[in-house]
Amino acid sequence: LWPTPWIYVASLLFIPASILVLAPVSLPAGIVTGVLIYVAVAVSLSVTAPVIEVDGGRLRAGRAEISLDDTGVAIGASDAAARVERGTGLDARAYLVIRGWVKHVVRVPIVDPADPTPYWLVSTRRPKELAAAINGSRRPERTEPGA
C-alpha cells in the first residue's frame, strides 16, 4: 500500500517550513534540516507501507496473518460502498489495514468462532483482483466419496 505520489509532493513542504523556522539562525542549516526531514519522512512512508499478500493458503495484511480456512467469502468495495465500509458500516471489532490514500477496500469475513474479530478490512487499489485471489486460494472443501 505505497503512498500515492502526491503524498511525497506534499511532504516537500517540510523544506520551506524548516527554512522559515531556521532562517533567522542560519539559512544553510534550515535548508539542510528541511532536506533531511523530507528524506526521513519519505523513507518512513515507504518502509512502513503494509503488504497485502495471499500465499500458501494464508492471508497476510500488514503484520497479521490468518489461514484462508478461517475466512469467508471476500468482497471488494469501491467508491460509495468503500466509504460506507470505512465509515458508518464499520464494526469497531474489525481488524483494519486501511490507508487514506487508497480508496478501495476488501472485506474478509472471519468464520472462526473462537476469533472475536468479525472481519478484516484491507485497503487495495485492485479490490476485485484481491477478492478473487482470496476466494480462489481457499482450499476446496473435502467431501466424502459418494456424497
N, C-alpha and C. Protein backbone atom coordinates (compact mmCIF):
# COMPACT_ATOMS: atom_id res chain seq x y z
N LEU A 1 0.84 -1.19 0.00
CA LEU A 1 0.00 0.00 0.00
C LEU A 1 0.88 1.25 0.00
N TRP A 2 1.66 1.37 -1.06
CA TRP A 2 2.55 2.51 -1.20
C TRP A 2 1.75 3.80 -1.19
N PRO A 3 2.32 4.85 -0.59
CA PRO A 3 1.66 6.16 -0.68
C PRO A 3 1.61 6.64 -2.12
N THR A 4 0.60 7.41 -2.43
CA THR A 4 0.49 7.98 -3.77
C THR A 4 1.53 9.08 -3.94
N PRO A 5 1.89 9.40 -5.16
CA PRO A 5 2.92 10.43 -5.39
C PRO A 5 2.60 11.78 -4.75
N TRP A 6 1.33 12.15 -4.66
CA TRP A 6 1.01 13.45 -4.09
C TRP A 6 1.39 13.53 -2.61
N ILE A 7 1.46 12.40 -1.91
CA ILE A 7 1.89 12.41 -0.51
C ILE A 7 3.36 12.85 -0.43
N TYR A 8 4.16 12.31 -1.35
CA TYR A 8 5.57 12.69 -1.39
C TYR A 8 5.73 14.16 -1.79
N VAL A 9 4.91 14.60 -2.73
CA VAL A 9 4.97 16.00 -3.15
C VAL A 9 4.56 16.92 -2.00
N ALA A 10 3.49 16.57 -1.30
CA ALA A 10 3.03 17.39 -0.17
C ALA A 10 4.08 17.42 0.94
N SER A 11 4.81 16.33 1.10
CA SER A 11 5.85 16.29 2.13
C SER A 11 7.00 17.25 1.84
N LEU A 12 7.12 17.66 0.59
CA LEU A 12 8.15 18.64 0.24
C LEU A 12 7.97 19.96 1.00
N LEU A 13 6.78 20.20 1.54
CA LEU A 13 6.53 21.43 2.30
C LEU A 13 7.35 21.48 3.59
N PHE A 14 7.92 20.35 4.01
CA PHE A 14 8.80 20.38 5.18
C PHE A 14 10.05 21.22 4.92
N ILE A 15 10.47 21.27 3.68
CA ILE A 15 11.69 22.03 3.35
C ILE A 15 11.50 23.53 3.57
N PRO A 16 10.49 24.17 2.95
CA PRO A 16 10.34 25.61 3.22
C PRO A 16 9.94 25.90 4.66
N ALA A 17 9.23 24.97 5.30
CA ALA A 17 8.85 25.19 6.70
C ALA A 17 10.09 25.24 7.59
N SER A 18 11.02 24.33 7.37
CA SER A 18 12.23 24.34 8.20
C SER A 18 13.11 25.55 7.87
N ILE A 19 13.13 25.95 6.60
CA ILE A 19 13.89 27.15 6.23
C ILE A 19 13.30 28.36 6.94
N LEU A 20 11.97 28.44 6.96
CA LEU A 20 11.30 29.56 7.62
C LEU A 20 11.62 29.61 9.11
N VAL A 21 11.66 28.46 9.74
CA VAL A 21 11.93 28.41 11.17
C VAL A 21 13.40 28.70 11.48
N LEU A 22 14.31 28.14 10.68
CA LEU A 22 15.74 28.25 10.99
C LEU A 22 16.46 29.39 10.28
N ALA A 23 15.82 30.09 9.34
CA ALA A 23 16.47 31.17 8.60
C ALA A 23 17.02 32.27 9.51
N PRO A 24 16.32 32.67 10.57
CA PRO A 24 16.91 33.70 11.44
C PRO A 24 18.22 33.25 12.10
N VAL A 25 18.39 31.96 12.28
CA VAL A 25 19.62 31.44 12.89
C VAL A 25 20.68 31.20 11.83
N SER A 26 20.28 30.39 10.79
CA SER A 26 21.22 30.05 9.72
C SER A 26 20.44 29.50 8.54
N LEU A 27 20.54 30.18 7.40
CA LEU A 27 19.85 29.73 6.19
C LEU A 27 20.34 28.36 5.72
N PRO A 28 21.66 28.12 5.65
CA PRO A 28 22.11 26.79 5.24
C PRO A 28 21.62 25.68 6.18
N ALA A 29 21.57 25.96 7.48
CA ALA A 29 21.07 24.96 8.44
C ALA A 29 19.60 24.67 8.17
N GLY A 30 18.82 25.69 7.82
CA GLY A 30 17.41 25.49 7.50
C GLY A 30 17.23 24.62 6.26
N ILE A 31 18.04 24.86 5.24
CA ILE A 31 17.94 24.07 4.01
C ILE A 31 18.32 22.61 4.27
N VAL A 32 19.45 22.41 4.95
CA VAL A 32 19.91 21.04 5.24
C VAL A 32 18.90 20.32 6.11
N THR A 33 18.39 20.98 7.14
CA THR A 33 17.41 20.37 8.03
C THR A 33 16.13 20.01 7.26
N GLY A 34 15.67 20.89 6.40
CA GLY A 34 14.47 20.62 5.62
C GLY A 34 14.64 19.42 4.72
N VAL A 35 15.79 19.34 4.05
CA VAL A 35 16.05 18.19 3.16
C VAL A 35 16.12 16.90 3.98
N LEU A 36 16.79 16.94 5.13
CA LEU A 36 16.89 15.74 5.97
C LEU A 36 15.51 15.30 6.49
N ILE A 37 14.68 16.26 6.88
CA ILE A 37 13.33 15.92 7.35
C ILE A 37 12.53 15.31 6.21
N TYR A 38 12.62 15.89 5.02
CA TYR A 38 11.89 15.33 3.87
C TYR A 38 12.34 13.91 3.58
N VAL A 39 13.62 13.67 3.55
CA VAL A 39 14.14 12.33 3.27
C VAL A 39 13.66 11.34 4.35
N ALA A 40 13.70 11.76 5.60
CA ALA A 40 13.24 10.88 6.69
C ALA A 40 11.76 10.55 6.55
N VAL A 41 10.94 11.53 6.21
CA VAL A 41 9.51 11.29 6.03
C VAL A 41 9.26 10.37 4.83
N ALA A 42 9.94 10.63 3.71
CA ALA A 42 9.75 9.80 2.51
C ALA A 42 10.17 8.37 2.76
N VAL A 43 11.29 8.19 3.43
CA VAL A 43 11.76 6.82 3.73
C VAL A 43 10.80 6.13 4.70
N SER A 44 10.35 6.83 5.73
CA SER A 44 9.44 6.19 6.69
C SER A 44 8.10 5.84 6.05
N LEU A 45 7.59 6.67 5.14
CA LEU A 45 6.36 6.35 4.43
C LEU A 45 6.53 5.08 3.58
N SER A 46 7.67 4.96 2.95
CA SER A 46 7.93 3.80 2.09
C SER A 46 8.17 2.53 2.88
N VAL A 47 8.95 2.64 3.95
CA VAL A 47 9.32 1.46 4.74
C VAL A 47 8.13 0.92 5.52
N THR A 48 7.26 1.79 6.00
CA THR A 48 6.13 1.35 6.82
C THR A 48 4.89 0.99 6.02
N ALA A 49 4.96 1.03 4.70
CA ALA A 49 3.81 0.67 3.87
C ALA A 49 3.49 -0.81 4.08
N PRO A 50 2.27 -1.14 4.51
CA PRO A 50 1.94 -2.55 4.76
C PRO A 50 1.81 -3.33 3.46
N VAL A 51 2.08 -4.62 3.56
CA VAL A 51 1.98 -5.51 2.41
C VAL A 51 0.74 -6.38 2.58
N ILE A 52 -0.05 -6.50 1.52
CA ILE A 52 -1.21 -7.39 1.49
C ILE A 52 -0.83 -8.53 0.57
N GLU A 53 -0.88 -9.78 1.09
CA GLU A 53 -0.40 -10.91 0.32
C GLU A 53 -1.25 -12.14 0.58
N VAL A 54 -1.54 -12.88 -0.49
CA VAL A 54 -2.22 -14.17 -0.40
C VAL A 54 -1.25 -15.21 -0.94
N ASP A 55 -0.84 -16.13 -0.05
CA ASP A 55 0.15 -17.12 -0.46
C ASP A 55 0.09 -18.32 0.47
N GLY A 56 0.15 -19.51 -0.09
CA GLY A 56 0.22 -20.73 0.70
C GLY A 56 -0.98 -20.95 1.60
N GLY A 57 -2.16 -20.55 1.15
CA GLY A 57 -3.36 -20.75 1.95
C GLY A 57 -3.48 -19.78 3.11
N ARG A 58 -2.73 -18.69 3.09
CA ARG A 58 -2.76 -17.70 4.16
C ARG A 58 -2.91 -16.30 3.58
N LEU A 59 -3.56 -15.45 4.34
CA LEU A 59 -3.71 -14.04 4.01
C LEU A 59 -2.86 -13.25 4.99
N ARG A 60 -1.96 -12.43 4.46
CA ARG A 60 -1.15 -11.54 5.29
C ARG A 60 -1.55 -10.11 4.96
N ALA A 61 -1.86 -9.37 6.01
CA ALA A 61 -2.22 -7.96 5.86
C ALA A 61 -1.47 -7.19 6.93
N GLY A 62 -0.45 -6.47 6.50
CA GLY A 62 0.40 -5.79 7.48
C GLY A 62 1.16 -6.81 8.29
N ARG A 63 1.05 -6.73 9.61
CA ARG A 63 1.76 -7.66 10.49
C ARG A 63 0.94 -8.88 10.85
N ALA A 64 -0.34 -8.90 10.49
CA ALA A 64 -1.22 -10.01 10.86
C ALA A 64 -1.31 -11.04 9.74
N GLU A 65 -1.67 -12.24 10.13
CA GLU A 65 -1.75 -13.35 9.19
C GLU A 65 -2.87 -14.29 9.65
N ILE A 66 -3.61 -14.83 8.68
CA ILE A 66 -4.69 -15.75 9.02
C ILE A 66 -4.79 -16.81 7.93
N SER A 67 -5.18 -18.00 8.33
CA SER A 67 -5.40 -19.07 7.37
C SER A 67 -6.68 -18.78 6.59
N LEU A 68 -6.65 -19.07 5.30
CA LEU A 68 -7.85 -18.84 4.49
C LEU A 68 -8.98 -19.80 4.87
N ASP A 69 -8.65 -20.88 5.59
CA ASP A 69 -9.68 -21.79 6.08
C ASP A 69 -10.57 -21.10 7.12
N ASP A 70 -10.06 -20.06 7.76
CA ASP A 70 -10.80 -19.33 8.79
C ASP A 70 -11.50 -18.09 8.25
N THR A 71 -11.53 -17.95 6.93
CA THR A 71 -12.17 -16.77 6.34
C THR A 71 -13.36 -17.17 5.48
N GLY A 72 -14.29 -16.23 5.35
CA GLY A 72 -15.43 -16.42 4.47
C GLY A 72 -15.14 -15.85 3.10
N VAL A 73 -16.19 -15.56 2.36
CA VAL A 73 -16.05 -15.04 1.01
C VAL A 73 -15.69 -13.55 1.06
N ALA A 74 -14.56 -13.21 0.48
CA ALA A 74 -14.09 -11.83 0.45
C ALA A 74 -14.89 -11.03 -0.58
N ILE A 75 -15.19 -9.78 -0.22
CA ILE A 75 -15.98 -8.91 -1.09
C ILE A 75 -15.26 -7.57 -1.24
N GLY A 76 -15.01 -7.18 -2.47
CA GLY A 76 -14.38 -5.90 -2.75
C GLY A 76 -15.41 -4.78 -2.75
N ALA A 77 -14.99 -3.59 -2.34
CA ALA A 77 -15.88 -2.43 -2.33
C ALA A 77 -15.14 -1.23 -2.90
N SER A 78 -15.83 -0.48 -3.74
CA SER A 78 -15.25 0.71 -4.35
C SER A 78 -16.17 1.90 -4.13
N ASP A 79 -15.62 3.08 -4.26
CA ASP A 79 -16.36 4.34 -4.25
C ASP A 79 -17.27 4.46 -3.02
N ALA A 80 -18.58 4.62 -3.23
CA ALA A 80 -19.51 4.85 -2.11
C ALA A 80 -19.57 3.67 -1.17
N ALA A 81 -19.52 2.46 -1.70
CA ALA A 81 -19.55 1.26 -0.84
C ALA A 81 -18.31 1.20 0.04
N ALA A 82 -17.17 1.58 -0.49
CA ALA A 82 -15.94 1.60 0.31
C ALA A 82 -16.01 2.66 1.40
N ARG A 83 -16.61 3.81 1.09
CA ARG A 83 -16.77 4.86 2.11
C ARG A 83 -17.65 4.37 3.26
N VAL A 84 -18.70 3.64 2.94
CA VAL A 84 -19.57 3.08 3.98
C VAL A 84 -18.80 2.06 4.81
N GLU A 85 -18.04 1.19 4.16
CA GLU A 85 -17.26 0.17 4.88
C GLU A 85 -16.27 0.82 5.84
N ARG A 86 -15.62 1.90 5.43
CA ARG A 86 -14.64 2.58 6.28
C ARG A 86 -15.30 3.52 7.28
N GLY A 87 -16.56 3.84 7.09
CA GLY A 87 -17.23 4.84 7.93
C GLY A 87 -18.37 4.26 8.73
N THR A 88 -19.61 4.57 8.31
CA THR A 88 -20.79 4.21 9.11
C THR A 88 -21.02 2.71 9.20
N GLY A 89 -20.53 1.93 8.25
CA GLY A 89 -20.73 0.49 8.30
C GLY A 89 -19.63 -0.27 9.02
N LEU A 90 -18.67 0.44 9.59
CA LEU A 90 -17.52 -0.19 10.22
C LEU A 90 -17.86 -0.74 11.59
N ASP A 91 -17.46 -1.98 11.84
CA ASP A 91 -17.59 -2.60 13.16
C ASP A 91 -16.31 -2.29 13.93
N ALA A 92 -16.44 -1.82 15.16
CA ALA A 92 -15.28 -1.43 15.95
C ALA A 92 -14.35 -2.60 16.26
N ARG A 93 -14.85 -3.83 16.15
CA ARG A 93 -14.04 -5.02 16.45
C ARG A 93 -13.25 -5.51 15.24
N ALA A 94 -13.47 -4.91 14.07
CA ALA A 94 -12.82 -5.35 12.84
C ALA A 94 -11.32 -5.06 12.89
N TYR A 95 -10.55 -5.92 12.22
CA TYR A 95 -9.11 -5.69 12.05
C TYR A 95 -8.94 -4.84 10.80
N LEU A 96 -8.24 -3.72 10.93
CA LEU A 96 -8.12 -2.77 9.83
C LEU A 96 -6.68 -2.64 9.35
N VAL A 97 -6.52 -2.69 8.04
CA VAL A 97 -5.27 -2.29 7.39
C VAL A 97 -5.72 -1.38 6.26
N ILE A 98 -6.02 -0.14 6.62
CA ILE A 98 -6.53 0.81 5.64
C ILE A 98 -5.63 2.03 5.60
N ARG A 99 -5.56 2.62 4.43
CA ARG A 99 -4.79 3.83 4.22
C ARG A 99 -5.69 4.85 3.55
N GLY A 100 -5.61 6.08 4.00
CA GLY A 100 -6.47 7.14 3.48
C GLY A 100 -6.26 7.45 2.01
N TRP A 101 -5.09 7.17 1.49
CA TRP A 101 -4.81 7.48 0.09
C TRP A 101 -5.18 6.34 -0.85
N VAL A 102 -5.73 5.24 -0.32
CA VAL A 102 -6.19 4.12 -1.15
C VAL A 102 -7.70 4.03 -0.93
N LYS A 103 -8.50 4.30 -1.97
CA LYS A 103 -9.94 4.45 -1.75
C LYS A 103 -10.74 3.15 -1.81
N HIS A 104 -10.19 2.06 -2.31
CA HIS A 104 -10.92 0.80 -2.39
C HIS A 104 -10.55 -0.11 -1.22
N VAL A 105 -11.49 -0.98 -0.82
CA VAL A 105 -11.24 -1.92 0.28
C VAL A 105 -11.79 -3.30 -0.07
N VAL A 106 -11.31 -4.28 0.66
CA VAL A 106 -11.85 -5.64 0.58
C VAL A 106 -12.21 -6.06 2.00
N ARG A 107 -13.42 -6.58 2.14
CA ARG A 107 -13.90 -7.07 3.44
C ARG A 107 -13.78 -8.59 3.44
N VAL A 108 -13.06 -9.12 4.43
CA VAL A 108 -12.82 -10.56 4.54
C VAL A 108 -13.45 -11.05 5.84
N PRO A 109 -14.62 -11.71 5.77
CA PRO A 109 -15.26 -12.21 6.99
C PRO A 109 -14.41 -13.29 7.66
N ILE A 110 -14.43 -13.30 8.99
CA ILE A 110 -13.73 -14.32 9.77
C ILE A 110 -14.79 -15.30 10.27
N VAL A 111 -14.64 -16.59 9.92
CA VAL A 111 -15.64 -17.59 10.27
C VAL A 111 -15.21 -18.45 11.46
N ASP A 112 -14.04 -18.22 12.00
CA ASP A 112 -13.57 -18.96 13.17
C ASP A 112 -14.37 -18.50 14.39
N PRO A 113 -15.14 -19.39 15.03
CA PRO A 113 -15.97 -18.97 16.17
C PRO A 113 -15.15 -18.53 17.38
N ALA A 114 -13.90 -18.94 17.47
CA ALA A 114 -13.06 -18.55 18.60
C ALA A 114 -12.44 -17.16 18.41
N ASP A 115 -12.54 -16.61 17.22
CA ASP A 115 -11.95 -15.31 16.92
C ASP A 115 -13.00 -14.22 17.13
N PRO A 116 -12.74 -13.26 18.03
CA PRO A 116 -13.72 -12.20 18.28
C PRO A 116 -13.80 -11.15 17.16
N THR A 117 -12.85 -11.21 16.21
CA THR A 117 -12.85 -10.25 15.11
C THR A 117 -13.87 -10.69 14.06
N PRO A 118 -14.87 -9.86 13.74
CA PRO A 118 -15.89 -10.28 12.77
C PRO A 118 -15.38 -10.31 11.33
N TYR A 119 -14.44 -9.41 11.00
CA TYR A 119 -13.91 -9.36 9.64
C TYR A 119 -12.64 -8.53 9.60
N TRP A 120 -11.90 -8.70 8.51
CA TRP A 120 -10.75 -7.85 8.22
C TRP A 120 -11.18 -6.90 7.12
N LEU A 121 -10.74 -5.66 7.21
CA LEU A 121 -10.98 -4.66 6.17
C LEU A 121 -9.62 -4.14 5.73
N VAL A 122 -9.28 -4.40 4.47
CA VAL A 122 -7.96 -4.02 3.97
C VAL A 122 -8.09 -3.13 2.74
N SER A 123 -7.26 -2.12 2.69
CA SER A 123 -7.21 -1.24 1.52
C SER A 123 -6.48 -1.94 0.38
N THR A 124 -6.92 -1.63 -0.83
CA THR A 124 -6.25 -2.16 -2.01
C THR A 124 -6.61 -1.29 -3.20
N ARG A 125 -5.71 -1.19 -4.14
CA ARG A 125 -6.01 -0.44 -5.36
C ARG A 125 -6.73 -1.33 -6.37
N ARG A 126 -6.74 -2.65 -6.15
CA ARG A 126 -7.40 -3.60 -7.06
C ARG A 126 -8.29 -4.54 -6.25
N PRO A 127 -9.47 -4.06 -5.83
CA PRO A 127 -10.31 -4.86 -4.94
C PRO A 127 -10.83 -6.16 -5.57
N LYS A 128 -11.19 -6.12 -6.85
CA LYS A 128 -11.71 -7.34 -7.49
C LYS A 128 -10.64 -8.42 -7.56
N GLU A 129 -9.42 -8.03 -7.91
CA GLU A 129 -8.33 -8.99 -8.03
C GLU A 129 -7.96 -9.58 -6.66
N LEU A 130 -7.93 -8.73 -5.62
CA LEU A 130 -7.60 -9.24 -4.29
C LEU A 130 -8.68 -10.17 -3.78
N ALA A 131 -9.95 -9.81 -3.94
CA ALA A 131 -11.04 -10.69 -3.51
C ALA A 131 -11.00 -12.01 -4.26
N ALA A 132 -10.72 -11.96 -5.56
CA ALA A 132 -10.62 -13.20 -6.35
C ALA A 132 -9.45 -14.05 -5.89
N ALA A 133 -8.33 -13.42 -5.55
CA ALA A 133 -7.16 -14.17 -5.07
C ALA A 133 -7.46 -14.84 -3.73
N ILE A 134 -8.15 -14.14 -2.85
CA ILE A 134 -8.50 -14.72 -1.55
C ILE A 134 -9.48 -15.86 -1.74
N ASN A 135 -10.53 -15.62 -2.51
CA ASN A 135 -11.57 -16.65 -2.71
C ASN A 135 -11.04 -17.83 -3.52
N GLY A 136 -10.16 -17.59 -4.47
CA GLY A 136 -9.63 -18.66 -5.30
C GLY A 136 -8.53 -19.46 -4.64
N SER A 137 -7.92 -18.93 -3.60
CA SER A 137 -6.81 -19.62 -2.93
C SER A 137 -7.26 -20.49 -1.77
N ARG A 138 -8.53 -20.42 -1.46
CA ARG A 138 -9.06 -21.23 -0.35
C ARG A 138 -9.02 -22.70 -0.75
N ARG A 139 -8.63 -23.54 0.18
CA ARG A 139 -8.60 -24.98 -0.10
C ARG A 139 -10.02 -25.49 -0.31
N PRO A 140 -10.21 -26.36 -1.29
CA PRO A 140 -11.56 -26.87 -1.52
C PRO A 140 -12.03 -27.71 -0.34
N GLU A 141 -13.34 -27.65 -0.11
CA GLU A 141 -13.95 -28.45 0.96
C GLU A 141 -13.80 -29.93 0.65
N ARG A 142 -13.49 -30.69 1.67
CA ARG A 142 -13.39 -32.15 1.45
C ARG A 142 -14.79 -32.75 1.54
N THR A 143 -15.09 -33.63 0.61
CA THR A 143 -16.39 -34.31 0.63
C THR A 143 -16.15 -35.81 0.71
N GLU A 144 -17.07 -36.48 1.33
CA GLU A 144 -16.98 -37.93 1.44
C GLU A 144 -17.28 -38.55 0.10
N PRO A 145 -16.62 -39.66 -0.24
CA PRO A 145 -16.92 -40.33 -1.50
C PRO A 145 -18.38 -40.76 -1.55
N GLY A 146 -19.01 -40.53 -2.68
CA GLY A 146 -20.42 -40.92 -2.86
C GLY A 146 -21.38 -39.89 -2.32
N ALA A 147 -20.88 -38.78 -1.78
CA ALA A 147 -21.78 -37.77 -1.21
C ALA A 147 -22.21 -36.81 -2.26
